[in-house]
Amino acid sequence: MTSRRLMVIVRHAESEHHVRRLTGGWTDTPLTEAGHEQARVLAARLAAELAGHRVSLYSSDLKRAAQTAQHIGEAFGEAVAFDQRLREHNNGAAANMTIEAAAARYPETWAVNVPLDTRAYEGAETPRQFYERAGAFIDQIEADGSVPVVVTHGGTMICLVARWLRLSAETLQPIGFSAHTTSITVLSEDRHGRQVERLNDTAHLYGSAGHVRIGDLV
C-alpha cells in the first residue's frame, strides 16, 4: 500500500425520537430544529477539514441520518448515496414505542446484551445479523481515491468500527463506545494496517448548537 486511506463516519444529529423519548432503531423520525443546526455546524466543519479532497457521501436512508447527510451534501456539492445497510439495529416490534413502553413490554431483553443469535423483540435482527449487515458495507465499499463520509447511527458506528478493525461479532457484547449526535470518527489504513484516528469527536458543537461536557457524563 503506497498511500493512506481514510474513512469518516458520523452519527446523525438530534432527532425527534430523542426529545419524544421514543426507541431508536428503525423508529423513523426527522431531525429537530436543534438537530438541523447541529448538522449545519457539522457540515461546515467537515467542509473545512476536507477542503481540497474529493469525498463520496453515503447515508442510512432513515430520516434522521438522511437529513443530516443532506446538510453535508450541500456543503460539498455532492449527492448522497443511500444504503439500507447503514440503518440502525432493526428493533422490530419495539420500533415507534416509547422507551417506557418498550421497557415494560420487554423487561427481560430491554437494556441487556442478548446473546448474539437471539432476537430481543419480535421481528428484530439478532446482534450477529446486525453486525454482518453493517459490516458488509465496510467490506464492499470501493477504494476509489475519494474520502468516504458515512452518515449513520450510534449502534451501526460501533459495528463499522469493529469491522474496520477486523474484530469478530463476539467482541461487540462486552465492549463498545459512546457515539454522540454529529460525532466524527475517523478511520485510516496504511502500510502498518488499520487504525482509529479519531473517535466520537464533537468539538464542533461547543459554543454553538450544544455540546456534551465531561460533567454531563458523570
C-alpha atoms as a PDB file:
ATOM      1  CA  MET A   1       0.000   0.000   0.000  1.00  0.00           C
ATOM      2  CA  THR A   2       1.582   3.278  -1.130  1.00  0.00           C
ATOM      3  CA  SER A   3      -0.905   5.808   0.186  1.00  0.00           C
ATOM      4  CA  ARG A   4      -3.052   6.395   3.221  1.00  0.00           C
ATOM      5  CA  ARG A   5      -6.738   5.564   3.087  1.00  0.00           C
ATOM      6  CA  LEU A   6      -9.278   7.435   5.200  1.00  0.00           C
ATOM      7  CA  MET A   7     -12.936   6.977   6.044  1.00  0.00           C
ATOM      8  CA  VAL A   8     -15.066   9.408   8.045  1.00  0.00           C
ATOM      9  CA  ILE A   9     -18.089   8.119   9.962  1.00  0.00           C
ATOM     10  CA  VAL A  10     -20.569  10.499  11.575  1.00  0.00           C
ATOM     11  CA  ARG A  11     -23.649   9.948  13.660  1.00  0.00           C
ATOM     12  CA  HIS A  12     -26.843  11.759  12.723  1.00  0.00           C
ATOM     13  CA  ALA A  13     -27.951  14.934  14.539  1.00  0.00           C
ATOM     14  CA  GLU A  14     -30.653  15.231  17.218  1.00  0.00           C
ATOM     15  CA  SER A  15     -33.882  13.576  16.120  1.00  0.00           C
ATOM     16  CA  GLU A  16     -37.497  13.812  17.223  1.00  0.00           C
ATOM     17  CA  HIS A  17     -37.230  10.356  18.776  1.00  0.00           C
ATOM     18  CA  HIS A  18     -34.710  11.759  21.273  1.00  0.00           C
ATOM     19  CA  VAL A  19     -36.973  14.508  22.566  1.00  0.00           C
ATOM     20  CA  ARG A  20     -40.139  12.405  22.392  1.00  0.00           C
ATOM     21  CA  ARG A  21     -38.476   9.555  24.318  1.00  0.00           C
ATOM     22  CA  LEU A  22     -39.081   7.009  21.598  1.00  0.00           C
ATOM     23  CA  THR A  23     -36.896   3.999  20.992  1.00  0.00           C
ATOM     24  CA  GLY A  24     -34.280   4.341  18.276  1.00  0.00           C
ATOM     25  CA  GLY A  25     -33.595   1.517  15.871  1.00  0.00           C
ATOM     26  CA  TRP A  26     -35.939   1.661  12.895  1.00  0.00           C
ATOM     27  CA  THR A  27     -38.182   4.284  14.502  1.00  0.00           C
ATOM     28  CA  ASP A  28     -38.096   6.797  11.636  1.00  0.00           C
ATOM     29  CA  THR A  29     -38.316  10.382  12.863  1.00  0.00           C
ATOM     30  CA  PRO A  30     -36.908  13.604  11.343  1.00  0.00           C
ATOM     31  CA  LEU A  31     -34.388  15.975  12.875  1.00  0.00           C
ATOM     32  CA  THR A  32     -35.430  18.574  15.420  1.00  0.00           C
ATOM     33  CA  GLU A  33     -34.656  22.244  14.757  1.00  0.00           C
ATOM     34  CA  ALA A  34     -31.656  21.873  17.069  1.00  0.00           C
ATOM     35  CA  GLY A  35     -30.674  18.811  15.062  1.00  0.00           C
ATOM     36  CA  HIS A  36     -30.706  20.777  11.809  1.00  0.00           C
ATOM     37  CA  GLU A  37     -28.449  23.393  13.408  1.00  0.00           C
ATOM     38  CA  GLN A  38     -26.109  20.679  14.676  1.00  0.00           C
ATOM     39  CA  ALA A  39     -25.970  19.201  11.172  1.00  0.00           C
ATOM     40  CA  ARG A  40     -25.148  22.574   9.615  1.00  0.00           C
ATOM     41  CA  VAL A  41     -22.288  23.095  12.093  1.00  0.00           C
ATOM     42  CA  LEU A  42     -21.052  19.567  11.421  1.00  0.00           C
ATOM     43  CA  ALA A  43     -21.191  20.104   7.664  1.00  0.00           C
ATOM     44  CA  ALA A  44     -19.177  23.316   7.922  1.00  0.00           C
ATOM     45  CA  ARG A  45     -16.502  21.594   9.971  1.00  0.00           C
ATOM     46  CA  LEU A  46     -16.224  18.670   7.586  1.00  0.00           C
ATOM     47  CA  ALA A  47     -16.036  21.006   4.599  1.00  0.00           C
ATOM     48  CA  ALA A  48     -13.187  22.899   6.281  1.00  0.00           C
ATOM     49  CA  GLU A  49     -11.280  19.791   7.340  1.00  0.00           C
ATOM     50  CA  LEU A  50     -11.645  18.076   3.969  1.00  0.00           C
ATOM     51  CA  ALA A  51     -11.098  21.144   1.803  1.00  0.00           C
ATOM     52  CA  GLY A  52      -9.250  20.165  -1.367  1.00  0.00           C
ATOM     53  CA  HIS A  53     -10.183  16.480  -1.082  1.00  0.00           C
ATOM     54  CA  ARG A  54     -12.718  14.605  -3.149  1.00  0.00           C
ATOM     55  CA  VAL A  55     -15.391  12.997  -0.996  1.00  0.00           C
ATOM     56  CA  SER A  56     -18.063  10.390  -1.569  1.00  0.00           C
ATOM     57  CA  LEU A  57     -21.111  10.658   0.662  1.00  0.00           C
ATOM     58  CA  TYR A  58     -23.098   7.676   1.959  1.00  0.00           C
ATOM     59  CA  SER A  59     -26.003   7.576   4.390  1.00  0.00           C
ATOM     60  CA  SER A  60     -28.598   5.430   6.058  1.00  0.00           C
ATOM     61  CA  ASP A  61     -31.967   6.068   4.460  1.00  0.00           C
ATOM     62  CA  LEU A  62     -33.713   6.646   7.805  1.00  0.00           C
ATOM     63  CA  LYS A  63     -34.853  10.269   8.035  1.00  0.00           C
ATOM     64  CA  ARG A  64     -32.575  11.412  10.843  1.00  0.00           C
ATOM     65  CA  ALA A  65     -29.461  10.247   9.003  1.00  0.00           C
ATOM     66  CA  ALA A  66     -30.705  11.240   5.554  1.00  0.00           C
ATOM     67  CA  GLN A  67     -31.451  14.813   6.646  1.00  0.00           C
ATOM     68  CA  THR A  68     -28.064  15.093   8.342  1.00  0.00           C
ATOM     69  CA  ALA A  69     -26.403  13.838   5.162  1.00  0.00           C
ATOM     70  CA  GLN A  70     -28.290  16.363   3.042  1.00  0.00           C
ATOM     71  CA  HIS A  71     -26.689  19.208   5.004  1.00  0.00           C
ATOM     72  CA  ILE A  72     -23.270  17.664   4.422  1.00  0.00           C
ATOM     73  CA  GLY A  73     -24.046  17.136   0.749  1.00  0.00           C
ATOM     74  CA  GLU A  74     -24.960  20.801   0.347  1.00  0.00           C
ATOM     75  CA  ALA A  75     -21.660  21.856   1.944  1.00  0.00           C
ATOM     76  CA  PHE A  76     -19.662  19.720  -0.502  1.00  0.00           C
ATOM     77  CA  GLY A  77     -21.930  19.983  -3.532  1.00  0.00           C
ATOM     78  CA  GLU A  78     -22.188  16.197  -3.538  1.00  0.00           C
ATOM     79  CA  ALA A  79     -25.144  13.860  -3.954  1.00  0.00           C
ATOM     80  CA  VAL A  80     -25.913  11.355  -1.204  1.00  0.00           C
ATOM     81  CA  ALA A  81     -25.912   7.610  -1.861  1.00  0.00           C
ATOM     82  CA  PHE A  82     -28.443   6.000   0.483  1.00  0.00           C
ATOM     83  CA  ASP A  83     -27.753   2.482   1.709  1.00  0.00           C
ATOM     84  CA  GLN A  84     -30.046   0.445   3.961  1.00  0.00           C
ATOM     85  CA  ARG A  85     -27.049  -1.449   5.340  1.00  0.00           C
ATOM     86  CA  LEU A  86     -26.233   1.730   7.265  1.00  0.00           C
ATOM     87  CA  ARG A  87     -29.514   1.681   9.205  1.00  0.00           C
ATOM     88  CA  GLU A  88     -29.544   1.303  12.974  1.00  0.00           C
ATOM     89  CA  HIS A  89     -30.286  -2.094  14.516  1.00  0.00           C
ATOM     90  CA  ASN A  90     -33.677  -3.367  13.381  1.00  0.00           C
ATOM     91  CA  ASN A  91     -35.598  -3.372  16.664  1.00  0.00           C
ATOM     92  CA  GLY A  92     -38.705  -4.973  15.194  1.00  0.00           C
ATOM     93  CA  ALA A  93     -41.816  -4.601  17.323  1.00  0.00           C
ATOM     94  CA  ALA A  94     -40.058  -2.151  19.653  1.00  0.00           C
ATOM     95  CA  ALA A  95     -39.805   0.465  16.893  1.00  0.00           C
ATOM     96  CA  ASN A  96     -42.020   3.522  17.393  1.00  0.00           C
ATOM     97  CA  MET A  97     -42.666   2.628  21.038  1.00  0.00           C
ATOM     98  CA  THR A  98     -41.798   4.944  23.893  1.00  0.00           C
ATOM     99  CA  ILE A  99     -38.799   3.924  25.959  1.00  0.00           C
ATOM    100  CA  GLU A 100     -41.031   3.294  28.948  1.00  0.00           C
ATOM    101  CA  ALA A 101     -43.469   1.148  26.966  1.00  0.00           C
ATOM    102  CA  ALA A 102     -40.694  -0.926  25.413  1.00  0.00           C
ATOM    103  CA  ALA A 103     -39.033  -1.489  28.782  1.00  0.00           C
ATOM    104  CA  ALA A 104     -42.353  -2.590  30.298  1.00  0.00           C
ATOM    105  CA  ARG A 105     -43.232  -4.906  27.406  1.00  0.00           C
ATOM    106  CA  TYR A 106     -39.768  -6.464  27.113  1.00  0.00           C
ATOM    107  CA  PRO A 107     -38.330  -6.426  30.663  1.00  0.00           C
ATOM    108  CA  GLU A 108     -36.149  -9.492  30.051  1.00  0.00           C
ATOM    109  CA  THR A 109     -34.368  -8.122  26.987  1.00  0.00           C
ATOM    110  CA  TRP A 110     -34.543  -4.351  27.435  1.00  0.00           C
ATOM    111  CA  ALA A 111     -31.201  -2.711  28.237  1.00  0.00           C
ATOM    112  CA  VAL A 112     -29.341  -6.029  28.352  1.00  0.00           C
ATOM    113  CA  ASN A 113     -26.912  -7.674  25.962  1.00  0.00           C
ATOM    114  CA  VAL A 114     -28.903 -10.520  24.489  1.00  0.00           C
ATOM    115  CA  PRO A 115     -26.962 -13.485  23.025  1.00  0.00           C
ATOM    116  CA  LEU A 116     -25.598 -12.945  19.524  1.00  0.00           C
ATOM    117  CA  ASP A 117     -28.204 -15.135  17.860  1.00  0.00           C
ATOM    118  CA  THR A 118     -31.218 -14.015  19.899  1.00  0.00           C
ATOM    119  CA  ARG A 119     -33.947 -11.616  18.754  1.00  0.00           C
ATOM    120  CA  ALA A 120     -34.675  -9.183  21.562  1.00  0.00           C
ATOM    121  CA  TYR A 121     -38.061  -8.226  20.089  1.00  0.00           C
ATOM    122  CA  GLU A 122     -40.484  -9.733  17.580  1.00  0.00           C
ATOM    123  CA  GLY A 123     -39.271  -9.085  14.051  1.00  0.00           C
ATOM    124  CA  ALA A 124     -35.895  -7.751  15.195  1.00  0.00           C
ATOM    125  CA  GLU A 125     -32.435  -8.593  13.896  1.00  0.00           C
ATOM    126  CA  THR A 126     -30.132 -10.638  16.058  1.00  0.00           C
ATOM    127  CA  PRO A 127     -26.941  -8.825  17.101  1.00  0.00           C
ATOM    128  CA  ARG A 128     -24.959 -11.061  14.742  1.00  0.00           C
ATOM    129  CA  GLN A 129     -27.226 -10.237  11.794  1.00  0.00           C
ATOM    130  CA  PHE A 130     -26.870  -6.528  12.583  1.00  0.00           C
ATOM    131  CA  TYR A 131     -23.078  -6.795  12.667  1.00  0.00           C
ATOM    132  CA  GLU A 132     -22.926  -8.735   9.411  1.00  0.00           C
ATOM    133  CA  ARG A 133     -25.320  -6.378   7.637  1.00  0.00           C
ATOM    134  CA  ALA A 134     -23.390  -3.243   8.643  1.00  0.00           C
ATOM    135  CA  GLY A 135     -20.050  -4.974   8.193  1.00  0.00           C
ATOM    136  CA  ALA A 136     -20.897  -5.823   4.590  1.00  0.00           C
ATOM    137  CA  PHE A 137     -20.876  -2.104   3.826  1.00  0.00           C
ATOM    138  CA  ILE A 138     -17.279  -1.787   5.063  1.00  0.00           C
ATOM    139  CA  ASP A 139     -16.239  -4.921   3.188  1.00  0.00           C
ATOM    140  CA  GLN A 140     -17.691  -3.804  -0.125  1.00  0.00           C
ATOM    141  CA  ILE A 141     -17.005  -0.074  -0.239  1.00  0.00           C
ATOM    142  CA  GLU A 142     -14.687   0.761  -3.115  1.00  0.00           C
ATOM    143  CA  ALA A 143     -11.345   2.477  -2.554  1.00  0.00           C
ATOM    144  CA  ASP A 144     -11.625   4.916  -5.481  1.00  0.00           C
ATOM    145  CA  GLY A 145      -9.336   7.619  -4.143  1.00  0.00           C
ATOM    146  CA  SER A 146     -12.091   9.702  -2.554  1.00  0.00           C
ATOM    147  CA  VAL A 147     -12.673  10.073   1.185  1.00  0.00           C
ATOM    148  CA  PRO A 148     -15.914   8.292   2.096  1.00  0.00           C
ATOM    149  CA  VAL A 149     -18.082  10.251   4.537  1.00  0.00           C
ATOM    150  CA  VAL A 150     -20.618   7.876   6.057  1.00  0.00           C
ATOM    151  CA  VAL A 151     -23.684   9.139   7.964  1.00  0.00           C
ATOM    152  CA  THR A 152     -25.207   6.531  10.203  1.00  0.00           C
ATOM    153  CA  HIS A 153     -26.376   5.675  13.738  1.00  0.00           C
ATOM    154  CA  GLY A 154     -24.745   5.005  17.092  1.00  0.00           C
ATOM    155  CA  GLY A 155     -25.079   1.228  17.105  1.00  0.00           C
ATOM    156  CA  THR A 156     -24.109   0.991  13.463  1.00  0.00           C
ATOM    157  CA  MET A 157     -20.992   3.070  14.094  1.00  0.00           C
ATOM    158  CA  ILE A 158     -19.828   0.505  16.630  1.00  0.00           C
ATOM    159  CA  CYS A 159     -20.322  -2.273  14.082  1.00  0.00           C
ATOM    160  CA  LEU A 160     -18.493  -0.341  11.368  1.00  0.00           C
ATOM    161  CA  VAL A 161     -15.500   0.450  13.574  1.00  0.00           C
ATOM    162  CA  ALA A 162     -15.299  -3.152  14.764  1.00  0.00           C
ATOM    163  CA  ARG A 163     -15.442  -4.459  11.198  1.00  0.00           C
ATOM    164  CA  TRP A 164     -12.802  -1.962  10.084  1.00  0.00           C
ATOM    165  CA  LEU A 165     -10.521  -3.328  12.810  1.00  0.00           C
ATOM    166  CA  ARG A 166     -11.440  -6.867  11.740  1.00  0.00           C
ATOM    167  CA  LEU A 167     -12.905  -7.719  15.121  1.00  0.00           C
ATOM    168  CA  SER A 168     -15.389 -10.546  15.413  1.00  0.00           C
ATOM    169  CA  ALA A 169     -19.057 -10.179  16.298  1.00  0.00           C
ATOM    170  CA  GLU A 170     -18.295 -11.823  19.639  1.00  0.00           C
ATOM    171  CA  THR A 171     -16.192  -8.819  20.699  1.00  0.00           C
ATOM    172  CA  LEU A 172     -19.125  -6.402  20.481  1.00  0.00           C
ATOM    173  CA  GLN A 173     -21.092  -7.513  23.508  1.00  0.00           C
ATOM    174  CA  PRO A 174     -18.571  -6.815  26.267  1.00  0.00           C
ATOM    175  CA  ILE A 175     -17.125  -3.666  24.619  1.00  0.00           C
ATOM    176  CA  GLY A 176     -18.317  -0.551  22.840  1.00  0.00           C
ATOM    177  CA  PHE A 177     -18.017   3.239  22.822  1.00  0.00           C
ATOM    178  CA  SER A 178     -20.274   6.262  23.056  1.00  0.00           C
ATOM    179  CA  ALA A 179     -21.429   7.884  19.828  1.00  0.00           C
ATOM    180  CA  HIS A 180     -22.943  11.302  20.427  1.00  0.00           C
ATOM    181  CA  THR A 181     -25.055  13.198  17.912  1.00  0.00           C
ATOM    182  CA  THR A 182     -22.994  14.517  14.957  1.00  0.00           C
ATOM    183  CA  SER A 183     -19.851  12.930  16.393  1.00  0.00           C
ATOM    184  CA  ILE A 184     -16.980  12.375  13.971  1.00  0.00           C
ATOM    185  CA  THR A 185     -14.986   9.144  13.872  1.00  0.00           C
ATOM    186  CA  VAL A 186     -12.027   8.861  11.503  1.00  0.00           C
ATOM    187  CA  LEU A 187     -10.638   5.510  10.355  1.00  0.00           C
ATOM    188  CA  SER A 188      -7.384   5.086   8.464  1.00  0.00           C
ATOM    189  CA  GLU A 189      -5.364   2.407   6.733  1.00  0.00           C
ATOM    190  CA  ASP A 190      -1.720   2.473   5.701  1.00  0.00           C
ATOM    191  CA  ARG A 191       1.158   0.030   5.323  1.00  0.00           C
ATOM    192  CA  HIS A 192       1.065  -0.654   9.058  1.00  0.00           C
ATOM    193  CA  GLY A 193      -2.589  -1.719   8.998  1.00  0.00           C
ATOM    194  CA  ARG A 194      -5.902  -0.226  10.085  1.00  0.00           C
ATOM    195  CA  GLN A 195      -6.315   2.350  12.848  1.00  0.00           C
ATOM    196  CA  VAL A 196      -8.897   4.544  14.573  1.00  0.00           C
ATOM    197  CA  GLU A 197      -7.595   8.092  14.182  1.00  0.00           C
ATOM    198  CA  ARG A 198     -10.426   9.872  15.968  1.00  0.00           C
ATOM    199  CA  LEU A 199     -13.399   8.615  17.948  1.00  0.00           C
ATOM    200  CA  ASN A 200     -16.673  10.362  18.924  1.00  0.00           C
ATOM    201  CA  ASP A 201     -15.321  13.873  18.298  1.00  0.00           C
ATOM    202  CA  THR A 202     -17.963  16.563  18.944  1.00  0.00           C
ATOM    203  CA  ALA A 203     -15.693  19.613  19.345  1.00  0.00           C
ATOM    204  CA  HIS A 204     -17.637  21.440  16.599  1.00  0.00           C
ATOM    205  CA  LEU A 205     -20.694  21.662  18.867  1.00  0.00           C
ATOM    206  CA  TYR A 206     -19.019  23.623  21.640  1.00  0.00           C
ATOM    207  CA  GLY A 207     -20.446  27.101  21.975  1.00  0.00           C
ATOM    208  CA  SER A 208     -22.880  26.684  19.083  1.00  0.00           C
ATOM    209  CA  ALA A 209     -25.562  24.020  18.803  1.00  0.00           C
ATOM    210  CA  GLY A 210     -24.983  22.500  22.228  1.00  0.00           C
ATOM    211  CA  HIS A 211     -22.322  20.075  23.376  1.00  0.00           C
ATOM    212  CA  VAL A 212     -21.607  17.131  25.609  1.00  0.00           C
ATOM    213  CA  ARG A 213     -19.496  18.170  28.605  1.00  0.00           C
ATOM    214  CA  ILE A 214     -17.470  15.727  30.658  1.00  0.00           C
ATOM    215  CA  GLY A 215     -19.582  16.697  33.639  1.00  0.00           C
ATOM    216  CA  ASP A 216     -22.712  15.611  31.772  1.00  0.00           C
ATOM    217  CA  LEU A 217     -21.407  12.065  31.661  1.00  0.00           C
ATOM    218  CA  VAL A 218     -20.969  11.654  35.439  1.00  0.00           C
END
